[in-house]
Every structure is written in structure tokens, then in C-alpha cells.
C-alpha atoms as a PDB file:
ATOM      1  CA  MET A   1       1.588 -21.844  31.078  1.00  0.00           C
ATOM      2  CA  GLY A   2       0.741 -18.341  32.968  1.00  0.00           C
ATOM      3  CA  LEU A   3       0.534 -15.428  32.537  1.00  0.00           C
ATOM      4  CA  THR A   4       4.707 -14.824  33.663  1.00  0.00           C
ATOM      5  CA  ASP A   5       5.763 -17.612  31.286  1.00  0.00           C
ATOM      6  CA  PRO A   6       8.234 -15.642  29.453  1.00  0.00           C
ATOM      7  CA  ALA A   7       6.554 -17.615  25.537  1.00  0.00           C
ATOM      8  CA  VAL A   8       3.082 -16.283  27.229  1.00  0.00           C
ATOM      9  CA  ILE A   9       4.527 -12.845  26.510  1.00  0.00           C
ATOM     10  CA  GLU A  10       6.548 -12.633  24.526  1.00  0.00           C
ATOM     11  CA  GLU A  11       3.579 -14.651  21.430  1.00  0.00           C
ATOM     12  CA  ALA A  12       1.378 -11.708  22.674  1.00  0.00           C
ATOM     13  CA  TYR A  13       4.407  -8.559  22.457  1.00  0.00           C
ATOM     14  CA  ALA A  14       4.383 -10.673  18.506  1.00  0.00           C
ATOM     15  CA  ALA A  15       0.723 -10.482  18.256  1.00  0.00           C
ATOM     16  CA  TYR A  16       0.469  -6.930  19.799  1.00  0.00           C
ATOM     17  CA  VAL A  17       3.328  -5.507  16.801  1.00  0.00           C
ATOM     18  CA  ALA A  18       1.269  -7.039  14.525  1.00  0.00           C
ATOM     19  CA  ALA A  19      -1.557  -5.583  14.953  1.00  0.00           C
ATOM     20  CA  ALA A  20       0.189  -2.247  15.862  1.00  0.00           C
ATOM     21  CA  ALA A  21       1.565  -2.528  12.341  1.00  0.00           C
ATOM     22  CA  ARG A  22      -2.410  -3.387  10.809  1.00  0.00           C
ATOM     23  CA  LEU A  23      -3.191  -0.306  12.276  1.00  0.00           C
ATOM     24  CA  ALA A  24      -0.450   1.703  11.229  1.00  0.00           C
ATOM     25  CA  ALA A  25      -1.316   0.592   7.576  1.00  0.00           C
ATOM     26  CA  LEU A  26      -4.688   1.154   7.179  1.00  0.00           C
ATOM     27  CA  ASP A  27      -5.903   4.309   5.353  1.00  0.00           C
ATOM     28  CA  TYR A  28      -7.986   6.093   7.308  1.00  0.00           C
ATOM     29  CA  SER A  29      -8.472   8.847   4.727  1.00  0.00           C
ATOM     30  CA  GLY A  30     -11.881   8.204   3.876  1.00  0.00           C
ATOM     31  CA  LEU A  31     -13.723   7.909   7.281  1.00  0.00           C
ATOM     32  CA  PRO A  32     -15.236  10.687   7.832  1.00  0.00           C
ATOM     33  CA  ILE A  33     -14.046  13.336  10.816  1.00  0.00           C
ATOM     34  CA  LYS A  34     -17.442  11.807  12.737  1.00  0.00           C
ATOM     35  CA  THR A  35     -15.852   7.989  12.682  1.00  0.00           C
ATOM     36  CA  LEU A  36     -11.858   9.422  12.977  1.00  0.00           C
ATOM     37  CA  LEU A  37     -13.009  10.607  16.086  1.00  0.00           C
ATOM     38  CA  ALA A  38     -14.268   7.945  17.666  1.00  0.00           C
ATOM     39  CA  LEU A  39     -11.251   5.965  16.660  1.00  0.00           C
ATOM     40  CA  GLN A  40      -8.693   8.220  18.399  1.00  0.00           C
ATOM     41  CA  SER A  41     -10.642   7.492  21.556  1.00  0.00           C
ATOM     42  CA  ARG A  42     -10.585   3.885  22.188  1.00  0.00           C
ATOM     43  CA  ARG A  43      -7.202   4.472  20.879  1.00  0.00           C
ATOM     44  CA  GLU A  44      -6.168   6.986  24.045  1.00  0.00           C
ATOM     45  CA  THR A  45      -8.099   4.989  25.921  1.00  0.00           C
ATOM     46  CA  LEU A  46      -6.663   2.426  25.085  1.00  0.00           C
ATOM     47  CA  LYS A  47      -5.122   0.308  28.190  1.00  0.00           C
END
């Protein structure tokens, strides 16, 4: 299976959606500002 295989692409997108849902469900309210800013920086630089 290559990187252009539709099944591989679908599986990757399903994993991406699941990861995004998991991240959205997390409670960030107890984290210190420094950690929140570091996480925001990581999110903004994802490619």
C-alpha cells in the first residue's frame, strides 16, 4: 500500500479526526500559562 492508496488516506484522516476530538475533549483549565502558551505554539506550527 502506497501513500496514494485511498484506504491509507481514509485511515489517516480517521486517525486525524479521532486525535482532534481527543484534544478538544481535554480540560486545559488547570494548566499553567507557560504550558498553555507552549501547547498553543505547538498547535500553530503543526504541518
